[in-house]
PDB file of N, CA and C in Angstrom:
ATOM      1  N   MET A   1     -16.259  11.558 -18.124  1.00  0.00           N
ATOM      2  CA  MET A   1     -16.752  12.626 -17.290  1.00  0.00           C
ATOM      3  C   MET A   1     -17.042  12.116 -15.873  1.00  0.00           C
ATOM      4  N   TYR A   2     -17.815  11.063 -15.768  1.00  0.00           N
ATOM      5  CA  TYR A   2     -18.124  10.466 -14.468  1.00  0.00           C
ATOM      6  C   TYR A   2     -17.395   9.141 -14.307  1.00  0.00           C
ATOM      7  N   TRP A   3     -16.175   9.077 -14.803  1.00  0.00           N
ATOM      8  CA  TRP A   3     -15.396   7.846 -14.760  1.00  0.00           C
ATOM      9  C   TRP A   3     -15.180   7.355 -13.334  1.00  0.00           C
ATOM     10  N   TYR A   4     -15.103   8.295 -12.397  1.00  0.00           N
ATOM     11  CA  TYR A   4     -14.873   7.895 -11.008  1.00  0.00           C
ATOM     12  C   TYR A   4     -16.051   7.131 -10.434  1.00  0.00           C
ATOM     13  N   LEU A   5     -17.262   7.403 -10.923  1.00  0.00           N
ATOM     14  CA  LEU A   5     -18.427   6.624 -10.486  1.00  0.00           C
ATOM     15  C   LEU A   5     -18.358   5.198 -11.028  1.00  0.00           C
ATOM     16  N   VAL A   6     -17.923   5.067 -12.267  1.00  0.00           N
ATOM     17  CA  VAL A   6     -17.766   3.736 -12.862  1.00  0.00           C
ATOM     18  C   VAL A   6     -16.722   2.945 -12.078  1.00  0.00           C
ATOM     19  N   VAL A   7     -15.611   3.600 -11.733  1.00  0.00           N
ATOM     20  CA  VAL A   7     -14.558   2.937 -10.964  1.00  0.00           C
ATOM     21  C   VAL A   7     -15.078   2.544  -9.583  1.00  0.00           C
ATOM     22  N   ALA A   8     -15.809   3.441  -8.937  1.00  0.00           N
ATOM     23  CA  ALA A   8     -16.347   3.147  -7.606  1.00  0.00           C
ATOM     24  C   ALA A   8     -17.320   1.972  -7.653  1.00  0.00           C
ATOM     25  N   ILE A   9     -18.168   1.933  -8.659  1.00  0.00           N
ATOM     26  CA  ILE A   9     -19.116   0.822  -8.803  1.00  0.00           C
ATOM     27  C   ILE A   9     -18.367  -0.473  -9.087  1.00  0.00           C
ATOM     28  N   ALA A  10     -17.323  -0.408  -9.911  1.00  0.00           N
ATOM     29  CA  ALA A  10     -16.522  -1.603 -10.209  1.00  0.00           C
ATOM     30  C   ALA A  10     -15.856  -2.135  -8.942  1.00  0.00           C
ATOM     31  N   TYR A  11     -15.302  -1.229  -8.132  1.00  0.00           N
ATOM     32  CA  TYR A  11     -14.695  -1.658  -6.869  1.00  0.00           C
ATOM     33  C   TYR A  11     -15.742  -2.254  -5.936  1.00  0.00           C
ATOM     34  N   LEU A  12     -16.913  -1.655  -5.886  1.00  0.00           N
ATOM     35  CA  LEU A  12     -17.980  -2.170  -5.028  1.00  0.00           C
ATOM     36  C   LEU A  12     -18.388  -3.581  -5.455  1.00  0.00           C
ATOM     37  N   LEU A  13     -18.601  -3.782  -6.746  1.00  0.00           N
ATOM     38  CA  LEU A  13     -19.007  -5.102  -7.241  1.00  0.00           C
ATOM     39  C   LEU A  13     -17.906  -6.138  -7.029  1.00  0.00           C
ATOM     40  N   ALA A  14     -16.659  -5.749  -7.291  1.00  0.00           N
ATOM     41  CA  ALA A  14     -15.541  -6.672  -7.068  1.00  0.00           C
ATOM     42  C   ALA A  14     -15.401  -7.003  -5.587  1.00  0.00           C
ATOM     43  N   SER A  15     -15.652  -6.018  -4.722  1.00  0.00           N
ATOM     44  CA  SER A  15     -15.557  -6.255  -3.281  1.00  0.00           C
ATOM     45  C   SER A  15     -16.647  -7.200  -2.799  1.00  0.00           C
ATOM     46  N   ILE A  16     -17.835  -7.051  -3.346  1.00  0.00           N
ATOM     47  CA  ILE A  16     -18.928  -7.966  -3.000  1.00  0.00           C
ATOM     48  C   ILE A  16     -18.565  -9.391  -3.437  1.00  0.00           C
ATOM     49  N   CYS A  17     -18.003  -9.520  -4.638  1.00  0.00           N
ATOM     50  CA  CYS A  17     -17.581 -10.842  -5.120  1.00  0.00           C
ATOM     51  C   CYS A  17     -16.487 -11.422  -4.231  1.00  0.00           C
ATOM     52  N   ALA A  18     -15.513 -10.600  -3.859  1.00  0.00           N
ATOM     53  CA  ALA A  18     -14.418 -11.076  -3.017  1.00  0.00           C
ATOM     54  C   ALA A  18     -14.946 -11.545  -1.662  1.00  0.00           C
ATOM     55  N   PHE A  19     -15.842 -10.758  -1.073  1.00  0.00           N
ATOM     56  CA  PHE A  19     -16.421 -11.151   0.209  1.00  0.00           C
ATOM     57  C   PHE A  19     -17.180 -12.466   0.066  1.00  0.00           C
ATOM     58  N   ALA A  20     -17.956 -12.585  -1.012  1.00  0.00           N
ATOM     59  CA  ALA A  20     -18.736 -13.810  -1.239  1.00  0.00           C
ATOM     60  C   ALA A  20     -17.816 -15.024  -1.418  1.00  0.00           C
ATOM     61  N   PHE A  21     -16.742 -14.865  -2.189  1.00  0.00           N
ATOM     62  CA  PHE A  21     -15.791 -15.960  -2.374  1.00  0.00           C
ATOM     63  C   PHE A  21     -15.195 -16.379  -1.037  1.00  0.00           C
ATOM     64  N   MET A  22     -14.819 -15.409  -0.222  1.00  0.00           N
ATOM     65  CA  MET A  22     -14.175 -15.737   1.052  1.00  0.00           C
ATOM     66  C   MET A  22     -15.170 -16.329   2.041  1.00  0.00           C
ATOM     67  N   ALA A  23     -16.402 -15.836   2.038  1.00  0.00           N
ATOM     68  CA  ALA A  23     -17.424 -16.401   2.925  1.00  0.00           C
ATOM     69  C   ALA A  23     -17.746 -17.840   2.523  1.00  0.00           C
ATOM     70  N   ARG A  24     -17.801 -18.076   1.218  1.00  0.00           N
ATOM     71  CA  ARG A  24     -18.069 -19.430   0.727  1.00  0.00           C
ATOM     72  C   ARG A  24     -16.910 -20.364   1.094  1.00  0.00           C
ATOM     73  N   ASP A  25     -15.686 -19.856   0.982  1.00  0.00           N
ATOM     74  CA  ASP A  25     -14.525 -20.664   1.341  1.00  0.00           C
ATOM     75  C   ASP A  25     -14.496 -20.953   2.838  1.00  0.00           C
ATOM     76  N   LYS A  26     -14.877 -19.981   3.638  1.00  0.00           N
ATOM     77  CA  LYS A  26     -14.937 -20.184   5.093  1.00  0.00           C
ATOM     78  C   LYS A  26     -15.953 -21.281   5.427  1.00  0.00           C
ATOM     79  N   LEU A  27     -17.108 -21.236   4.793  1.00  0.00           N
ATOM     80  CA  LEU A  27     -18.132 -22.253   5.008  1.00  0.00           C
ATOM     81  C   LEU A  27     -17.630 -23.629   4.566  1.00  0.00           C
ATOM     82  N   ALA A  28     -16.948 -23.670   3.424  1.00  0.00           N
ATOM     83  CA  ALA A  28     -16.409 -24.940   2.936  1.00  0.00           C
ATOM     84  C   ALA A  28     -15.370 -25.499   3.910  1.00  0.00           C
ATOM     85  N   ALA A  29     -14.578 -24.618   4.506  1.00  0.00           N
ATOM     86  CA  ALA A  29     -13.576 -25.066   5.479  1.00  0.00           C
ATOM     87  C   ALA A  29     -14.246 -25.686   6.699  1.00  0.00           C
ATOM     88  N   ARG A  30     -15.314 -25.069   7.147  1.00  0.00           N
ATOM     89  CA  ARG A  30     -16.037 -25.594   8.318  1.00  0.00           C
ATOM     90  C   ARG A  30     -16.702 -26.932   8.029  1.00  0.00           C
ATOM     91  N   GLN A  31     -17.118 -27.123   6.782  1.00  0.00           N
ATOM     92  CA  GLN A  31     -17.825 -28.348   6.413  1.00  0.00           C
ATOM     93  C   GLN A  31     -16.907 -29.390   5.770  1.00  0.00           C
ATOM     94  N   ALA A  32     -15.602 -29.115   5.767  1.00  0.00           N
ATOM     95  CA  ALA A  32     -14.604 -30.018   5.182  1.00  0.00           C
ATOM     96  C   ALA A  32     -14.931 -30.352   3.727  1.00  0.00           C
ATOM     97  N   ARG A  33     -15.312 -29.334   2.966  1.00  0.00           N
ATOM     98  CA  ARG A  33     -15.603 -29.498   1.537  1.00  0.00           C
ATOM     99  C   ARG A  33     -14.483 -28.880   0.714  1.00  0.00           C
ATOM    100  N   TRP A  34     -14.637 -28.950  -0.622  1.00  0.00           N
ATOM    101  CA  TRP A  34     -13.659 -28.390  -1.541  1.00  0.00           C
ATOM    102  C   TRP A  34     -13.504 -26.902  -1.283  1.00  0.00           C
ATOM    103  N   ARG A  35     -12.247 -26.437  -1.218  1.00  0.00           N
ATOM    104  CA  ARG A  35     -11.927 -25.054  -0.909  1.00  0.00           C
ATOM    105  C   ARG A  35     -11.579 -24.273  -2.170  1.00  0.00           C
ATOM    106  N   THR A  36     -11.795 -22.984  -2.111  1.00  0.00           N
ATOM    107  CA  THR A  36     -11.387 -22.089  -3.188  1.00  0.00           C
ATOM    108  C   THR A  36      -9.876 -21.882  -3.085  1.00  0.00           C
ATOM    109  N   PRO A  37      -9.139 -22.060  -4.174  1.00  0.00           N
ATOM    110  CA  PRO A  37      -7.690 -21.849  -4.114  1.00  0.00           C
ATOM    111  C   PRO A  37      -7.346 -20.400  -3.727  1.00  0.00           C
ATOM    112  N   GLU A  38      -6.273 -20.257  -2.963  1.00  0.00           N
ATOM    113  CA  GLU A  38      -5.867 -18.917  -2.531  1.00  0.00           C
ATOM    114  C   GLU A  38      -5.567 -18.017  -3.717  1.00  0.00           C
ATOM    115  N   ARG A  39      -5.015 -18.569  -4.779  1.00  0.00           N
ATOM    116  CA  ARG A  39      -4.707 -17.730  -5.947  1.00  0.00           C
ATOM    117  C   ARG A  39      -5.975 -17.145  -6.554  1.00  0.00           C
ATOM    118  N   THR A  40      -7.086 -17.863  -6.461  1.00  0.00           N
ATOM    119  CA  THR A  40      -8.362 -17.330  -6.948  1.00  0.00           C
ATOM    120  C   THR A  40      -8.811 -16.170  -6.067  1.00  0.00           C
ATOM    121  N   LEU A  41      -8.679 -16.334  -4.758  1.00  0.00           N
ATOM    122  CA  LEU A  41      -9.038 -15.254  -3.840  1.00  0.00           C
ATOM    123  C   LEU A  41      -8.162 -14.030  -4.087  1.00  0.00           C
ATOM    124  N   HIS A  42      -6.873 -14.258  -4.351  1.00  0.00           N
ATOM    125  CA  HIS A  42      -5.971 -13.138  -4.635  1.00  0.00           C
ATOM    126  C   HIS A  42      -6.305 -12.487  -5.971  1.00  0.00           C
ATOM    127  N   LEU A  43      -6.698 -13.266  -6.945  1.00  0.00           N
ATOM    128  CA  LEU A  43      -7.062 -12.704  -8.248  1.00  0.00           C
ATOM    129  C   LEU A  43      -8.271 -11.784  -8.120  1.00  0.00           C
ATOM    130  N   VAL A  44      -9.266 -12.208  -7.371  1.00  0.00           N
ATOM    131  CA  VAL A  44     -10.445 -11.364  -7.158  1.00  0.00           C
ATOM    132  C   VAL A  44     -10.040 -10.077  -6.437  1.00  0.00           C
ATOM    133  N   SER A  45      -9.134 -10.180  -5.483  1.00  0.00           N
ATOM    134  CA  SER A  45      -8.635  -8.991  -4.798  1.00  0.00           C
ATOM    135  C   SER A  45      -7.895  -8.079  -5.764  1.00  0.00           C
ATOM    136  N   LEU A  46      -7.064  -8.666  -6.595  1.00  0.00           N
ATOM    137  CA  LEU A  46      -6.286  -7.895  -7.553  1.00  0.00           C
ATOM    138  C   LEU A  46      -7.184  -7.174  -8.559  1.00  0.00           C
ATOM    139  N   LEU A  47      -8.300  -7.774  -8.897  1.00  0.00           N
ATOM    140  CA  LEU A  47      -9.230  -7.164  -9.848  1.00  0.00           C
ATOM    141  C   LEU A  47     -10.089  -6.076  -9.221  1.00  0.00           C
ATOM    142  N   GLY A  48      -9.778  -5.705  -7.992  1.00  0.00           N
ATOM    143  CA  GLY A  48     -10.478  -4.599  -7.341  1.00  0.00           C
ATOM    144  C   GLY A  48     -11.256  -4.987  -6.107  1.00  0.00           C
ATOM    145  N   GLY A  49     -11.247  -6.243  -5.754  1.00  0.00           N
ATOM    146  CA  GLY A  49     -12.029  -6.691  -4.612  1.00  0.00           C
ATOM    147  C   GLY A  49     -11.305  -6.670  -3.283  1.00  0.00           C
ATOM    148  N   TRP A  50     -10.145  -6.024  -3.233  1.00  0.00           N
ATOM    149  CA  TRP A  50      -9.375  -6.033  -1.988  1.00  0.00           C
ATOM    150  C   TRP A  50     -10.122  -5.423  -0.802  1.00  0.00           C
ATOM    151  N   PRO A  51     -10.960  -4.387  -0.971  1.00  0.00           N
ATOM    152  CA  PRO A  51     -11.702  -3.919   0.216  1.00  0.00           C
ATOM    153  C   PRO A  51     -12.632  -5.001   0.772  1.00  0.00           C
ATOM    154  N   GLY A  52     -13.296  -5.725  -0.104  1.00  0.00           N
ATOM    155  CA  GLY A  52     -14.167  -6.818   0.330  1.00  0.00           C
ATOM    156  C   GLY A  52     -13.399  -7.940   0.998  1.00  0.00           C
ATOM    157  N   SER A  53     -12.186  -8.175   0.518  1.00  0.00           N
ATOM    158  CA  SER A  53     -11.341  -9.188   1.153  1.00  0.00           C
ATOM    159  C   SER A  53     -10.997  -8.791   2.582  1.00  0.00           C
ATOM    160  N   PHE A  54     -10.659  -7.522   2.775  1.00  0.00           N
ATOM    161  CA  PHE A  54     -10.350  -7.056   4.127  1.00  0.00           C
ATOM    162  C   PHE A  54     -11.567  -7.138   5.044  1.00  0.00           C
ATOM    163  N   VAL A  55     -12.731  -6.816   4.507  1.00  0.00           N
ATOM    164  CA  VAL A  55     -13.946  -6.922   5.314  1.00  0.00           C
ATOM    165  C   VAL A  55     -14.159  -8.372   5.740  1.00  0.00           C
ATOM    166  N   ALA A  56     -13.957  -9.298   4.811  1.00  0.00           N
ATOM    167  CA  ALA A  56     -14.117 -10.719   5.145  1.00  0.00           C
ATOM    168  C   ALA A  56     -13.067 -11.182   6.153  1.00  0.00           C
ATOM    169  N   ILE A  57     -11.835 -10.747   5.962  1.00  0.00           N
ATOM    170  CA  ILE A  57     -10.762 -11.163   6.868  1.00  0.00           C
ATOM    171  C   ILE A  57     -11.071 -10.722   8.289  1.00  0.00           C
ATOM    172  N   TYR A  58     -11.546  -9.504   8.432  1.00  0.00           N
ATOM    173  CA  TYR A  58     -11.711  -8.959   9.785  1.00  0.00           C
ATOM    174  C   TYR A  58     -13.121  -9.073  10.364  1.00  0.00           C
ATOM    175  N   THR A  59     -14.111  -9.492   9.570  1.00  0.00           N
ATOM    176  CA  THR A  59     -15.449  -9.692  10.138  1.00  0.00           C
ATOM    177  C   THR A  59     -15.766 -11.168  10.351  1.00  0.00           C
ATOM    178  N   ILE A  60     -15.376 -12.008   9.397  1.00  0.00           N
ATOM    179  CA  ILE A  60     -15.650 -13.444   9.567  1.00  0.00           C
ATOM    180  C   ILE A  60     -14.380 -14.219   9.906  1.00  0.00           C
ATOM    181  N   SER A  61     -13.296 -13.493  10.155  1.00  0.00           N
ATOM    182  CA  SER A  61     -12.009 -14.081  10.557  1.00  0.00           C
ATOM    183  C   SER A  61     -11.541 -15.165   9.599  1.00  0.00           C
ATOM    184  N   HIS A  62     -11.649 -14.877   8.306  1.00  0.00           N
ATOM    185  CA  HIS A  62     -11.219 -15.865   7.323  1.00  0.00           C
ATOM    186  C   HIS A  62      -9.780 -15.603   6.904  1.00  0.00           C
ATOM    187  N   LYS A  63      -8.936 -16.605   7.073  1.00  0.00           N
ATOM    188  CA  LYS A  63      -7.516 -16.572   6.715  1.00  0.00           C
ATOM    189  C   LYS A  63      -6.761 -15.507   7.505  1.00  0.00           C
ATOM    190  N   ARG A  64      -7.250 -15.195   8.662  1.00  0.00           N
ATOM    191  CA  ARG A  64      -6.654 -14.155   9.495  1.00  0.00           C
ATOM    192  C   ARG A  64      -5.305 -14.574  10.081  1.00  0.00           C
ATOM    193  N   ARG A  65      -5.094 -15.852  10.236  1.00  0.00           N
ATOM    194  CA  ARG A  65      -3.844 -16.357  10.822  1.00  0.00           C
ATOM    195  C   ARG A  65      -2.796 -16.711   9.778  1.00  0.00           C
ATOM    196  N   LYS A  66      -3.167 -16.694   8.511  1.00  0.00           N
ATOM    197  CA  LYS A  66      -2.233 -17.061   7.444  1.00  0.00           C
ATOM    198  C   LYS A  66      -1.457 -15.821   7.011  1.00  0.00           C
ATOM    199  N   LEU A  67      -0.254 -15.687   7.552  1.00  0.00           N
ATOM    200  CA  LEU A  67       0.539 -14.484   7.316  1.00  0.00           C
ATOM    201  C   LEU A  67       0.896 -14.293   5.848  1.00  0.00           C
ATOM    202  N   GLY A  68       1.165 -15.366   5.139  1.00  0.00           N
ATOM    203  CA  GLY A  68       1.470 -15.264   3.716  1.00  0.00           C
ATOM    204  C   GLY A  68       0.287 -14.713   2.929  1.00  0.00           C
ATOM    205  N   PHE A  69      -0.896 -15.215   3.236  1.00  0.00           N
ATOM    206  CA  PHE A  69      -2.102 -14.730   2.573  1.00  0.00           C
ATOM    207  C   PHE A  69      -2.328 -13.256   2.885  1.00  0.00           C
ATOM    208  N   LEU A  70      -2.181 -12.893   4.151  1.00  0.00           N
ATOM    209  CA  LEU A  70      -2.363 -11.501   4.557  1.00  0.00           C
ATOM    210  C   LEU A  70      -1.344 -10.587   3.884  1.00  0.00           C
ATOM    211  N   ALA A  71      -0.100 -11.029   3.798  1.00  0.00           N
ATOM    212  CA  ALA A  71       0.947 -10.214   3.181  1.00  0.00           C
ATOM    213  C   ALA A  71       0.631  -9.923   1.722  1.00  0.00           C
ATOM    214  N   ILE A  72       0.166 -10.932   1.004  1.00  0.00           N
ATOM    215  CA  ILE A  72      -0.172 -10.727  -0.410  1.00  0.00           C
ATOM    216  C   ILE A  72      -1.392  -9.822  -0.535  1.00  0.00           C
ATOM    217  N   THR A  73      -2.373 -10.000   0.323  1.00  0.00           N
ATOM    218  CA  THR A  73      -3.570  -9.155   0.286  1.00  0.00           C
ATOM    219  C   THR A  73      -3.209  -7.697   0.570  1.00  0.00           C
ATOM    220  N   TYR A  74      -2.361  -7.471   1.569  1.00  0.00           N
ATOM    221  CA  TYR A  74      -1.910  -6.101   1.851  1.00  0.00           C
ATOM    222  C   TYR A  74      -1.100  -5.535   0.687  1.00  0.00           C
ATOM    223  N   ALA A  75      -0.259  -6.353   0.061  1.00  0.00           N
ATOM    224  CA  ALA A  75       0.526  -5.897  -1.087  1.00  0.00           C
ATOM    225  C   ALA A  75      -0.382  -5.482  -2.245  1.00  0.00           C
ATOM    226  N   ILE A  76      -1.446  -6.246  -2.461  1.00  0.00           N
ATOM    227  CA  ILE A  76      -2.414  -5.912  -3.508  1.00  0.00           C
ATOM    228  C   ILE A  76      -3.079  -4.570  -3.195  1.00  0.00           C
ATOM    229  N   ALA A  77      -3.472  -4.373  -1.943  1.00  0.00           N
ATOM    230  CA  ALA A  77      -4.108  -3.113  -1.549  1.00  0.00           C
ATOM    231  C   ALA A  77      -3.145  -1.938  -1.731  1.00  0.00           C
ATOM    232  N   ILE A  78      -1.903  -2.125  -1.321  1.00  0.00           N
ATOM    233  CA  ILE A  78      -0.904  -1.063  -1.472  1.00  0.00           C
ATOM    234  C   ILE A  78      -0.675  -0.758  -2.941  1.00  0.00           C
ATOM    235  N   LEU A  79      -0.638  -1.780  -3.773  1.00  0.00           N
ATOM    236  CA  LEU A  79      -0.489  -1.582  -5.210  1.00  0.00           C
ATOM    237  C   LEU A  79      -1.623  -0.731  -5.761  1.00  0.00           C
ATOM    238  N   HIS A  80      -2.851  -1.045  -5.386  1.00  0.00           N
ATOM    239  CA  HIS A  80      -4.004  -0.278  -5.857  1.00  0.00           C
ATOM    240  C   HIS A  80      -3.921   1.176  -5.407  1.00  0.00           C
ATOM    241  N   VAL A  81      -3.580   1.383  -4.153  1.00  0.00           N
ATOM    242  CA  VAL A  81      -3.478   2.753  -3.641  1.00  0.00           C
ATOM    243  C   VAL A  81      -2.378   3.512  -4.380  1.00  0.00           C
ATOM    244  N   CYS A  82      -1.242   2.881  -4.604  1.00  0.00           N
ATOM    245  CA  CYS A  82      -0.139   3.537  -5.318  1.00  0.00           C
ATOM    246  C   CYS A  82      -0.537   3.906  -6.751  1.00  0.00           C
ATOM    247  N   VAL A  83      -1.245   3.019  -7.410  1.00  0.00           N
ATOM    248  CA  VAL A  83      -1.702   3.312  -8.776  1.00  0.00           C
ATOM    249  C   VAL A  83      -2.639   4.514  -8.767  1.00  0.00           C
ATOM    250  N   TRP A  84      -3.574   4.569  -7.819  1.00  0.00           N
ATOM    251  CA  TRP A  84      -4.507   5.697  -7.778  1.00  0.00           C
ATOM    252  C   TRP A  84      -3.828   6.995  -7.369  1.00  0.00           C
ATOM    253  N   VAL A  85      -2.830   6.912  -6.507  1.00  0.00           N
ATOM    254  CA  VAL A  85      -2.064   8.116  -6.160  1.00  0.00           C
ATOM    255  C   VAL A  85      -1.309   8.607  -7.383  1.00  0.00           C
ATOM    256  N   ALA A  86      -0.720   7.694  -8.143  1.00  0.00           N
ATOM    257  CA  ALA A  86      -0.002   8.065  -9.365  1.00  0.00           C
ATOM    258  C   ALA A  86      -0.958   8.700 -10.382  1.00  0.00           C
ATOM    259  N   ILE A  87      -2.126   8.124 -10.536  1.00  0.00           N
ATOM    260  CA  ILE A  87      -3.114   8.684 -11.475  1.00  0.00           C
ATOM    261  C   ILE A  87      -3.522  10.080 -11.025  1.00  0.00           C
ATOM    262  N   ALA A  88      -3.745  10.239  -9.731  1.00  0.00           N
ATOM    263  CA  ALA A  88      -4.167  11.543  -9.208  1.00  0.00           C
ATOM    264  C   ALA A  88      -3.090  12.605  -9.376  1.00  0.00           C
ATOM    265  N   THR A  89      -1.838  12.218  -9.216  1.00  0.00           N
ATOM    266  CA  THR A  89      -0.779  13.210  -9.339  1.00  0.00           C
ATOM    267  C   THR A  89      -0.445  13.534 -10.784  1.00  0.00           C
ATOM    268  N   LEU A  90      -0.743  12.634 -11.703  1.00  0.00           N
ATOM    269  CA  LEU A  90      -0.464  12.882 -13.114  1.00  0.00           C
ATOM    270  C   LEU A  90      -1.564  13.671 -13.812  1.00  0.00           C
ATOM    271  N   THR A  91      -2.726  13.737 -13.212  1.00  0.00           N
ATOM    272  CA  THR A  91      -3.836  14.461 -13.861  1.00  0.00           C
ATOM    273  C   THR A  91      -3.988  15.850 -13.321  1.00  0.00           C
TER     274      THR A  91
END
């Protein structure tokens, strides 16, 4: 009945996690410490955290110059939007 609220909360929590992962990775880069693998950042985005990833990319300028990373992040976002458009048109 209120499934859309559950989905919205899941996206919010995943986005917070994605932002936190990227902020932590940015800090690690500045301090020359162990970095979070890009595939981990992409996995968090794929699990619904792509809005948080975009916020991190454009507010803290993390991985903003890495075109490959950006391309995959945009592809993940487009995939999510396409899935939701498909769900909306089928219901």
